[in-house]
């Protein structure tokens, strides 16, 4: 009888470990990717599907701090940092 109890406990431990691994994997998948955390002037382009051929929207910040915001957002996005050259901004120097 003791052997059955030990086997049952071992199975419970394995199942709990698997459950915790699945939960940890799900939580990691929901953490924002590094490209979403770009600091400074940057823009994210949103595409209609996974082929990334049809741009349907954009969100971000330009070199002089202007807001880039048009179209729609989708799950298919690519984000890039904007590297600004020296330029004259209407409200003072660029933030770079």
PDB file of N, CA and C in Angstrom:
ATOM      1  N   UNK A   1       0.817  -1.194   0.000  1.00  0.00           N
ATOM      2  CA  UNK A   1       0.000   0.000   0.000  1.00  0.00           C
ATOM      3  C   UNK A   1       0.863   1.261   0.000  1.00  0.00           C
ATOM      4  N   UNK A   2       1.967   1.210   0.753  1.00  0.00           N
ATOM      5  CA  UNK A   2       2.862   2.358   0.824  1.00  0.00           C
ATOM      6  C   UNK A   2       3.446   2.683  -0.546  1.00  0.00           C
ATOM      7  N   UNK A   3       3.704   1.660  -1.356  1.00  0.00           N
ATOM      8  CA  UNK A   3       4.270   1.856  -2.698  1.00  0.00           C
ATOM      9  C   UNK A   3       3.280   2.604  -3.593  1.00  0.00           C
ATOM     10  N   UNK A   4       1.985   2.298  -3.481  1.00  0.00           N
ATOM     11  CA  UNK A   4       0.977   3.001  -4.268  1.00  0.00           C
ATOM     12  C   UNK A   4       0.903   4.472  -3.881  1.00  0.00           C
ATOM     13  N   UNK A   5       0.987   4.783  -2.591  1.00  0.00           N
ATOM     14  CA  UNK A   5       0.937   6.156  -2.122  1.00  0.00           C
ATOM     15  C   UNK A   5       2.141   6.945  -2.640  1.00  0.00           C
ATOM     16  N   UNK A   6       3.313   6.332  -2.621  1.00  0.00           N
ATOM     17  CA  UNK A   6       4.522   6.988  -3.118  1.00  0.00           C
ATOM     18  C   UNK A   6       4.413   7.243  -4.609  1.00  0.00           C
ATOM     19  N   UNK A   7       3.911   6.290  -5.365  1.00  0.00           N
ATOM     20  CA  UNK A   7       3.738   6.443  -6.798  1.00  0.00           C
ATOM     21  C   UNK A   7       2.728   7.548  -7.101  1.00  0.00           C
ATOM     22  N   UNK A   8       1.620   7.570  -6.333  1.00  0.00           N
ATOM     23  CA  UNK A   8       0.601   8.606  -6.518  1.00  0.00           C
ATOM     24  C   UNK A   8       1.188   9.987  -6.224  1.00  0.00           C
ATOM     25  N   UNK A   9       1.981  10.126  -5.168  1.00  0.00           N
ATOM     26  CA  UNK A   9       2.618  11.400  -4.815  1.00  0.00           C
ATOM     27  C   UNK A   9       3.607  11.820  -5.898  1.00  0.00           C
ATOM     28  N   UNK A  10       4.374  10.892  -6.419  1.00  0.00           N
ATOM     29  CA  UNK A  10       5.340  11.198  -7.476  1.00  0.00           C
ATOM     30  C   UNK A  10       4.609  11.694  -8.728  1.00  0.00           C
ATOM     31  N   UNK A  11       3.493  11.081  -9.073  1.00  0.00           N
ATOM     32  CA  UNK A  11       2.711  11.522 -10.237  1.00  0.00           C
ATOM     33  C   UNK A  11       2.163  12.932 -10.022  1.00  0.00           C
ATOM     34  N   UNK A  12       1.688  13.199  -8.793  1.00  0.00           N
ATOM     35  CA  UNK A  12       1.181  14.543  -8.492  1.00  0.00           C
ATOM     36  C   UNK A  12       2.291  15.584  -8.639  1.00  0.00           C
ATOM     37  N   UNK A  13       3.486  15.265  -8.193  1.00  0.00           N
ATOM     38  CA  UNK A  13       4.613  16.198  -8.310  1.00  0.00           C
ATOM     39  C   UNK A  13       4.948  16.450  -9.776  1.00  0.00           C
ATOM     40  N   UNK A  14       4.974  15.406 -10.585  1.00  0.00           N
ATOM     41  CA  UNK A  14       5.264  15.563 -12.010  1.00  0.00           C
ATOM     42  C   UNK A  14       4.186  16.405 -12.691  1.00  0.00           C
ATOM     43  N   UNK A  15       2.919  16.127 -12.385  1.00  0.00           N
ATOM     44  CA  UNK A  15       1.830  16.896 -12.989  1.00  0.00           C
ATOM     45  C   UNK A  15       1.870  18.362 -12.564  1.00  0.00           C
ATOM     46  N   UNK A  16       2.151  18.635 -11.301  1.00  0.00           N
ATOM     47  CA  UNK A  16       2.242  20.015 -10.828  1.00  0.00           C
ATOM     48  C   UNK A  16       3.413  20.745 -11.495  1.00  0.00           C
ATOM     49  N   UNK A  17       4.529  20.050 -11.681  1.00  0.00           N
ATOM     50  CA  UNK A  17       5.685  20.647 -12.346  1.00  0.00           C
ATOM     51  C   UNK A  17       5.340  20.996 -13.791  1.00  0.00           C
ATOM     52  N   UNK A  18       4.669  20.091 -14.473  1.00  0.00           N
ATOM     53  CA  UNK A  18       4.257  20.361 -15.851  1.00  0.00           C
ATOM     54  C   UNK A  18       3.279  21.535 -15.916  1.00  0.00           C
ATOM     55  N   UNK A  19       2.349  21.580 -14.988  1.00  0.00           N
ATOM     56  CA  UNK A  19       1.392  22.675 -14.951  1.00  0.00           C
ATOM     57  C   UNK A  19       2.104  24.012 -14.722  1.00  0.00           C
ATOM     58  N   UNK A  20       3.031  24.043 -13.789  1.00  0.00           N
ATOM     59  CA  UNK A  20       3.793  25.269 -13.533  1.00  0.00           C
ATOM     60  C   UNK A  20       4.614  25.678 -14.752  1.00  0.00           C
ATOM     61  N   UNK A  21       5.175  24.717 -15.470  1.00  0.00           N
ATOM     62  CA  UNK A  21       5.944  25.033 -16.679  1.00  0.00           C
ATOM     63  C   UNK A  21       5.052  25.648 -17.746  1.00  0.00           C
ATOM     64  N   UNK A  22       3.850  25.121 -17.918  1.00  0.00           N
ATOM     65  CA  UNK A  22       2.911  25.665 -18.902  1.00  0.00           C
ATOM     66  C   UNK A  22       2.503  27.086 -18.518  1.00  0.00           C
ATOM     67  N   UNK A  23       2.223  27.306 -17.239  1.00  0.00           N
ATOM     68  CA  UNK A  23       1.851  28.649 -16.780  1.00  0.00           C
ATOM     69  C   UNK A  23       3.009  29.622 -16.981  1.00  0.00           C
ATOM     70  N   UNK A  24       4.223  29.210 -16.653  1.00  0.00           N
ATOM     71  CA  UNK A  24       5.398  30.071 -16.834  1.00  0.00           C
ATOM     72  C   UNK A  24       5.598  30.408 -18.307  1.00  0.00           C
ATOM     73  N   UNK A  25       5.401  29.441 -19.183  1.00  0.00           N
ATOM     74  CA  UNK A  25       5.536  29.678 -20.622  1.00  0.00           C
ATOM     75  C   UNK A  25       4.483  30.665 -21.111  1.00  0.00           C
ATOM     76  N   UNK A  26       3.269  30.528 -20.639  1.00  0.00           N
ATOM     77  CA  UNK A  26       2.194  31.448 -21.037  1.00  0.00           C
ATOM     78  C   UNK A  26       2.483  32.866 -20.550  1.00  0.00           C
ATOM     79  N   UNK A  27       2.995  33.002 -19.350  1.00  0.00           N
ATOM     80  CA  UNK A  27       3.321  34.331 -18.824  1.00  0.00           C
ATOM     81  C   UNK A  27       4.477  34.963 -19.585  1.00  0.00           C
ATOM     82  N   UNK A  28       5.467  34.178 -19.972  1.00  0.00           N
ATOM     83  CA  UNK A  28       6.592  34.715 -20.723  1.00  0.00           C
ATOM     84  C   UNK A  28       6.158  35.186 -22.096  1.00  0.00           C
ATOM     85  N   UNK A  29       5.211  34.500 -22.699  1.00  0.00           N
ATOM     86  CA  UNK A  29       4.743  34.877 -24.030  1.00  0.00           C
ATOM     87  C   UNK A  29       4.003  36.209 -24.005  1.00  0.00           C
ATOM     88  N   UNK A  30       3.435  36.584 -22.852  1.00  0.00           N
ATOM     89  CA  UNK A  30       2.679  37.826 -22.792  1.00  0.00           C
ATOM     90  C   UNK A  30       3.544  39.030 -22.413  1.00  0.00           C
ATOM     91  N   UNK A  31       4.819  38.813 -22.082  1.00  0.00           N
ATOM     92  CA  UNK A  31       5.716  39.917 -21.751  1.00  0.00           C
ATOM     93  C   UNK A  31       6.048  40.680 -23.031  1.00  0.00           C
ATOM     94  N   UNK A  32       6.025  42.024 -23.002  1.00  0.00           N
ATOM     95  CA  UNK A  32       6.327  42.790 -24.211  1.00  0.00           C
ATOM     96  C   UNK A  32       7.717  42.463 -24.752  1.00  0.00           C
ATOM     97  N   UNK A  33       7.806  42.351 -26.059  1.00  0.00           N
ATOM     98  CA  UNK A  33       9.098  42.093 -26.676  1.00  0.00           C
ATOM     99  C   UNK A  33       9.970  43.331 -26.580  1.00  0.00           C
ATOM    100  N   UNK A  34      11.269  43.142 -26.741  1.00  0.00           N
ATOM    101  CA  UNK A  34      12.219  44.247 -26.598  1.00  0.00           C
ATOM    102  C   UNK A  34      11.930  45.365 -27.593  1.00  0.00           C
ATOM    103  N   UNK A  35      11.447  45.025 -28.801  1.00  0.00           N
ATOM    104  CA  UNK A  35      11.200  46.073 -29.794  1.00  0.00           C
ATOM    105  C   UNK A  35      10.105  47.040 -29.357  1.00  0.00           C
ATOM    106  N   UNK A  36       9.228  46.588 -28.474  1.00  0.00           N
ATOM    107  CA  UNK A  36       8.173  47.465 -27.984  1.00  0.00           C
ATOM    108  C   UNK A  36       8.696  48.420 -26.921  1.00  0.00           C
ATOM    109  N   UNK A  37       9.921  48.204 -26.457  1.00  0.00           N
ATOM    110  CA  UNK A  37      10.477  49.012 -25.391  1.00  0.00           C
ATOM    111  C   UNK A  37      11.565  49.963 -25.891  1.00  0.00           C
ATOM    112  N   UNK A  38      11.545  50.301 -27.169  1.00  0.00           N
ATOM    113  CA  UNK A  38      12.550  51.186 -27.747  1.00  0.00           C
ATOM    114  C   UNK A  38      12.391  52.577 -27.152  1.00  0.00           C
ATOM    115  N   UNK A  39      13.490  53.135 -26.646  1.00  0.00           N
ATOM    116  CA  UNK A  39      13.453  54.478 -26.071  1.00  0.00           C
ATOM    117  C   UNK A  39      13.829  55.514 -27.136  1.00  0.00           C
ATOM    118  N   UNK A  40      13.313  56.723 -26.993  1.00  0.00           N
ATOM    119  CA  UNK A  40      13.636  57.803 -27.922  1.00  0.00           C
ATOM    120  C   UNK A  40      12.776  57.727 -29.162  1.00  0.00           C
ATOM    121  N   UNK A  41      13.154  58.516 -30.166  1.00  0.00           N
ATOM    122  CA  UNK A  41      12.358  58.528 -31.398  1.00  0.00           C
ATOM    123  C   UNK A  41      12.299  57.139 -32.036  1.00  0.00           C
ATOM    124  N   UNK A  42      11.094  56.651 -32.240  1.00  0.00           N
ATOM    125  CA  UNK A  42      10.915  55.338 -32.846  1.00  0.00           C
ATOM    126  C   UNK A  42       9.524  55.267 -33.450  1.00  0.00           C
ATOM    127  N   UNK A  43       9.352  54.295 -34.329  1.00  0.00           N
ATOM    128  CA  UNK A  43       8.044  54.111 -34.955  1.00  0.00           C
ATOM    129  C   UNK A  43       7.791  52.617 -35.124  1.00  0.00           C
ATOM    130  N   UNK A  44       6.539  52.221 -34.889  1.00  0.00           N
ATOM    131  CA  UNK A  44       6.108  50.845 -35.135  1.00  0.00           C
ATOM    132  C   UNK A  44       5.140  50.868 -36.307  1.00  0.00           C
ATOM    133  N   UNK A  45       5.407  50.052 -37.309  1.00  0.00           N
ATOM    134  CA  UNK A  45       4.507  49.896 -38.440  1.00  0.00           C
ATOM    135  C   UNK A  45       3.647  48.676 -38.235  1.00  0.00           C
ATOM    136  N   UNK A  46       2.356  48.814 -38.477  1.00  0.00           N
ATOM    137  CA  UNK A  46       1.403  47.718 -38.310  1.00  0.00           C
ATOM    138  C   UNK A  46       0.968  47.223 -39.684  1.00  0.00           C
ATOM    139  N   UNK A  47       0.982  45.909 -39.860  1.00  0.00           N
ATOM    140  CA  UNK A  47       0.714  45.300 -41.157  1.00  0.00           C
ATOM    141  C   UNK A  47      -0.567  44.477 -41.122  1.00  0.00           C
ATOM    142  N   UNK A  48      -1.148  44.271 -42.295  1.00  0.00           N
ATOM    143  CA  UNK A  48      -2.434  43.583 -42.393  1.00  0.00           C
ATOM    144  C   UNK A  48      -2.353  42.100 -42.049  1.00  0.00           C
ATOM    145  N   UNK A  49      -1.183  41.469 -42.293  1.00  0.00           N
ATOM    146  CA  UNK A  49      -1.056  40.042 -42.008  1.00  0.00           C
ATOM    147  C   UNK A  49       0.411  39.674 -41.817  1.00  0.00           C
ATOM    148  N   UNK A  50       0.669  38.396 -41.645  1.00  0.00           N
ATOM    149  CA  UNK A  50       2.013  37.903 -41.341  1.00  0.00           C
ATOM    150  C   UNK A  50       2.994  38.019 -42.496  1.00  0.00           C
ATOM    151  N   UNK A  51       2.532  38.411 -43.675  1.00  0.00           N
ATOM    152  CA  UNK A  51       3.478  38.599 -44.789  1.00  0.00           C
ATOM    153  C   UNK A  51       4.197  39.942 -44.686  1.00  0.00           C
ATOM    154  N   UNK A  52       3.688  40.851 -43.861  1.00  0.00           N
ATOM    155  CA  UNK A  52       4.276  42.175 -43.642  1.00  0.00           C
ATOM    156  C   UNK A  52       4.465  42.944 -44.945  1.00  0.00           C
ATOM    157  N   UNK A  53       3.482  42.872 -45.834  1.00  0.00           N
ATOM    158  CA  UNK A  53       3.581  43.601 -47.099  1.00  0.00           C
ATOM    159  C   UNK A  53       2.680  44.825 -47.166  1.00  0.00           C
ATOM    160  N   UNK A  54       1.548  44.808 -46.487  1.00  0.00           N
ATOM    161  CA  UNK A  54       0.611  45.929 -46.548  1.00  0.00           C
ATOM    162  C   UNK A  54       0.581  46.667 -45.217  1.00  0.00           C
ATOM    163  N   UNK A  55       1.152  47.871 -45.220  1.00  0.00           N
ATOM    164  CA  UNK A  55       1.182  48.699 -44.018  1.00  0.00           C
ATOM    165  C   UNK A  55      -0.194  49.309 -43.803  1.00  0.00           C
ATOM    166  N   UNK A  56      -0.759  49.122 -42.596  1.00  0.00           N
ATOM    167  CA  UNK A  56      -2.105  49.633 -42.331  1.00  0.00           C
ATOM    168  C   UNK A  56      -2.139  50.670 -41.203  1.00  0.00           C
ATOM    169  N   UNK A  57      -0.997  50.929 -40.572  1.00  0.00           N
ATOM    170  CA  UNK A  57      -0.958  51.930 -39.515  1.00  0.00           C
ATOM    171  C   UNK A  57       0.434  52.108 -38.958  1.00  0.00           C
ATOM    172  N   UNK A  58       0.622  53.181 -38.184  1.00  0.00           N
ATOM    173  CA  UNK A  58       1.915  53.447 -37.553  1.00  0.00           C
ATOM    174  C   UNK A  58       1.692  54.203 -36.251  1.00  0.00           C
ATOM    175  N   UNK A  59       2.555  53.942 -35.276  1.00  0.00           N
ATOM    176  CA  UNK A  59       2.528  54.632 -33.991  1.00  0.00           C
ATOM    177  C   UNK A  59       3.972  54.899 -33.592  1.00  0.00           C
ATOM    178  N   UNK A  60       4.228  56.059 -33.009  1.00  0.00           N
ATOM    179  CA  UNK A  60       5.569  56.331 -32.536  1.00  0.00           C
ATOM    180  C   UNK A  60       5.804  57.797 -32.248  1.00  0.00           C
ATOM    181  N   UNK A  61       7.073  58.152 -32.156  1.00  0.00           N
ATOM    182  CA  UNK A  61       7.498  59.516 -31.869  1.00  0.00           C
ATOM    183  C   UNK A  61       8.595  59.894 -32.844  1.00  0.00           C
ATOM    184  N   UNK A  62       8.469  61.070 -33.458  1.00  0.00           N
ATOM    185  CA  UNK A  62       9.458  61.553 -34.407  1.00  0.00           C
ATOM    186  C   UNK A  62      10.642  62.224 -33.729  1.00  0.00           C
ATOM    187  N   UNK A  63      11.571  62.730 -34.535  1.00  0.00           N
ATOM    188  CA  UNK A  63      12.810  63.321 -34.036  1.00  0.00           C
ATOM    189  C   UNK A  63      12.594  64.565 -33.178  1.00  0.00           C
ATOM    190  N   UNK A  64      11.575  65.326 -33.444  1.00  0.00           N
ATOM    191  CA  UNK A  64      11.311  66.548 -32.675  1.00  0.00           C
ATOM    192  C   UNK A  64      10.231  66.336 -31.624  1.00  0.00           C
ATOM    193  N   UNK A  65       9.903  65.070 -31.357  1.00  0.00           N
ATOM    194  CA  UNK A  65       8.902  64.760 -30.350  1.00  0.00           C
ATOM    195  C   UNK A  65       7.483  64.696 -30.885  1.00  0.00           C
ATOM    196  N   UNK A  66       7.320  64.892 -32.198  1.00  0.00           N
ATOM    197  CA  UNK A  66       5.974  64.847 -32.763  1.00  0.00           C
ATOM    198  C   UNK A  66       5.422  63.427 -32.704  1.00  0.00           C
ATOM    199  N   UNK A  67       4.116  63.342 -32.534  1.00  0.00           N
ATOM    200  CA  UNK A  67       3.440  62.051 -32.424  1.00  0.00           C
ATOM    201  C   UNK A  67       3.143  61.510 -33.820  1.00  0.00           C
ATOM    202  N   UNK A  68       3.483  60.245 -34.028  1.00  0.00           N
ATOM    203  CA  UNK A  68       3.137  59.541 -35.262  1.00  0.00           C
ATOM    204  C   UNK A  68       1.996  58.605 -34.887  1.00  0.00           C
ATOM    205  N   UNK A  69       0.840  58.818 -35.493  1.00  0.00           N
ATOM    206  CA  UNK A  69      -0.339  58.050 -35.098  1.00  0.00           C
ATOM    207  C   UNK A  69      -1.342  58.063 -36.248  1.00  0.00           C
ATOM    208  N   UNK A  70      -1.352  57.010 -37.050  1.00  0.00           N
ATOM    209  CA  UNK A  70      -2.320  56.929 -38.136  1.00  0.00           C
ATOM    210  C   UNK A  70      -2.688  55.469 -38.379  1.00  0.00           C
ATOM    211  N   UNK A  71      -3.820  55.256 -38.978  1.00  0.00           N
ATOM    212  CA  UNK A  71      -4.267  53.916 -39.348  1.00  0.00           C
ATOM    213  C   UNK A  71      -4.706  53.092 -38.149  1.00  0.00           C
ATOM    214  N   UNK A  72      -4.601  51.779 -38.321  1.00  0.00           N
ATOM    215  CA  UNK A  72      -5.049  50.849 -37.279  1.00  0.00           C
ATOM    216  C   UNK A  72      -3.861  50.052 -36.754  1.00  0.00           C
ATOM    217  N   UNK A  73      -4.043  49.431 -35.590  1.00  0.00           N
ATOM    218  CA  UNK A  73      -3.019  48.550 -35.043  1.00  0.00           C
ATOM    219  C   UNK A  73      -3.455  47.102 -35.238  1.00  0.00           C
ATOM    220  N   UNK A  74      -2.481  46.245 -35.430  1.00  0.00           N
ATOM    221  CA  UNK A  74      -2.730  44.812 -35.589  1.00  0.00           C
ATOM    222  C   UNK A  74      -1.678  44.049 -34.781  1.00  0.00           C
ATOM    223  N   UNK A  75      -1.789  42.748 -34.780  1.00  0.00           N
ATOM    224  CA  UNK A  75      -0.792  41.912 -34.105  1.00  0.00           C
ATOM    225  C   UNK A  75       0.512  41.834 -34.892  1.00  0.00           C
ATOM    226  N   UNK A  76       0.491  42.268 -36.139  1.00  0.00           N
ATOM    227  CA  UNK A  76       1.660  42.148 -37.013  1.00  0.00           C
ATOM    228  C   UNK A  76       2.377  43.492 -37.074  1.00  0.00           C
ATOM    229  N   UNK A  77       3.427  43.654 -36.258  1.00  0.00           N
ATOM    230  CA  UNK A  77       4.107  44.943 -36.215  1.00  0.00           C
ATOM    231  C   UNK A  77       5.616  44.773 -36.251  1.00  0.00           C
ATOM    232  N   UNK A  78       6.261  45.809 -36.767  1.00  0.00           N
ATOM    233  CA  UNK A  78       7.716  45.908 -36.767  1.00  0.00           C
ATOM    234  C   UNK A  78       8.054  47.295 -36.243  1.00  0.00           C
ATOM    235  N   UNK A  79       8.947  47.340 -35.256  1.00  0.00           N
ATOM    236  CA  UNK A  79       9.322  48.622 -34.657  1.00  0.00           C
ATOM    237  C   UNK A  79      10.786  48.922 -34.952  1.00  0.00           C
ATOM    238  N   UNK A  80      11.071  50.197 -35.173  1.00  0.00           N
ATOM    239  CA  UNK A  80      12.435  50.627 -35.458  1.00  0.00           C
ATOM    240  C   UNK A  80      12.734  51.926 -34.741  1.00  0.00           C
ATOM    241  N   UNK A  81      13.961  52.080 -34.343  1.00  0.00           N
ATOM    242  CA  UNK A  81      14.449  53.326 -33.773  1.00  0.00           C
ATOM    243  C   UNK A  81      14.709  54.276 -34.921  1.00  0.00           C
ATOM    244  N   UNK A  82      14.364  55.553 -34.733  1.00  0.00           N
ATOM    245  CA  UNK A  82      14.643  56.560 -35.746  1.00  0.00           C
ATOM    246  C   UNK A  82      15.934  57.260 -35.332  1.00  0.00           C
ATOM    247  N   UNK A  83      16.924  57.257 -36.205  1.00  0.00           N
ATOM    248  CA  UNK A  83      18.181  57.931 -35.925  1.00  0.00           C
ATOM    249  C   UNK A  83      18.135  59.306 -36.580  1.00  0.00           C
ATOM    250  N   UNK A  84      18.102  60.322 -35.747  1.00  0.00           N
ATOM    251  CA  UNK A  84      17.921  61.687 -36.224  1.00  0.00           C
ATOM    252  C   UNK A  84      19.261  62.359 -36.481  1.00  0.00           C
ATOM    253  N   UNK A  85      19.352  63.041 -37.603  1.00  0.00           N
ATOM    254  CA  UNK A  85      20.522  63.869 -37.874  1.00  0.00           C
ATOM    255  C   UNK A  85      20.251  65.246 -37.277  1.00  0.00           C
ATOM    256  N   UNK A  86      21.235  66.104 -37.302  1.00  0.00           N
ATOM    257  CA  UNK A  86      21.019  67.452 -36.783  1.00  0.00           C
ATOM    258  C   UNK A  86      19.931  68.122 -37.611  1.00  0.00           C
ATOM    259  N   UNK A  87      18.945  68.632 -36.937  1.00  0.00           N
ATOM    260  CA  UNK A  87      17.858  69.308 -37.621  1.00  0.00           C
ATOM    261  C   UNK A  87      17.275  70.385 -36.732  1.00  0.00           C
ATOM    262  N   UNK A  88      16.581  71.304 -37.331  1.00  0.00           N
ATOM    263  CA  UNK A  88      15.955  72.368 -36.585  1.00  0.00           C
ATOM    264  C   UNK A  88      14.509  71.981 -36.303  1.00  0.00           C
ATOM    265  N   UNK A  89      14.184  71.931 -35.024  1.00  0.00           N
ATOM    266  CA  UNK A  89      12.819  71.598 -34.626  1.00  0.00           C
ATOM    267  C   UNK A  89      12.078  72.900 -34.311  1.00  0.00           C
ATOM    268  N   UNK A  90      10.805  72.971 -34.641  1.00  0.00           N
ATOM    269  CA  UNK A  90      10.057  74.211 -34.437  1.00  0.00           C
ATOM    270  C   UNK A  90       9.969  74.634 -32.968  1.00  0.00           C
ATOM    271  N   UNK A  91      10.061  73.705 -32.048  1.00  0.00           N
ATOM    272  CA  UNK A  91       9.943  74.036 -30.615  1.00  0.00           C
ATOM    273  C   UNK A  91      11.275  73.869 -29.884  1.00  0.00           C
ATOM    274  N   UNK A  92      12.372  74.141 -30.532  1.00  0.00           N
ATOM    275  CA  UNK A  92      13.682  74.021 -29.884  1.00  0.00           C
ATOM    276  C   UNK A  92      14.452  72.849 -30.416  1.00  0.00           C
ATOM    277  N   UNK A  93      15.564  72.515 -29.767  1.00  0.00           N
ATOM    278  CA  UNK A  93      16.423  71.443 -30.257  1.00  0.00           C
ATOM    279  C   UNK A  93      15.760  70.073 -30.143  1.00  0.00           C
ATOM    280  N   UNK A  94      16.187  69.158 -30.995  1.00  0.00           N
ATOM    281  CA  UNK A  94      15.632  67.800 -30.938  1.00  0.00           C
ATOM    282  C   UNK A  94      16.069  67.143 -29.646  1.00  0.00           C
ATOM    283  N   UNK A  95      15.299  66.157 -29.157  1.00  0.00           N
ATOM    284  CA  UNK A  95      15.617  65.506 -27.883  1.00  0.00           C
ATOM    285  C   UNK A  95      16.830  64.620 -27.943  1.00  0.00           C
ATOM    286  N   UNK A  96      17.417  64.423 -29.096  1.00  0.00           N
ATOM    287  CA  UNK A  96      18.590  63.528 -29.239  1.00  0.00           C
ATOM    288  C   UNK A  96      19.853  64.295 -28.937  1.00  0.00           C
TER     289      UNK A  96
END
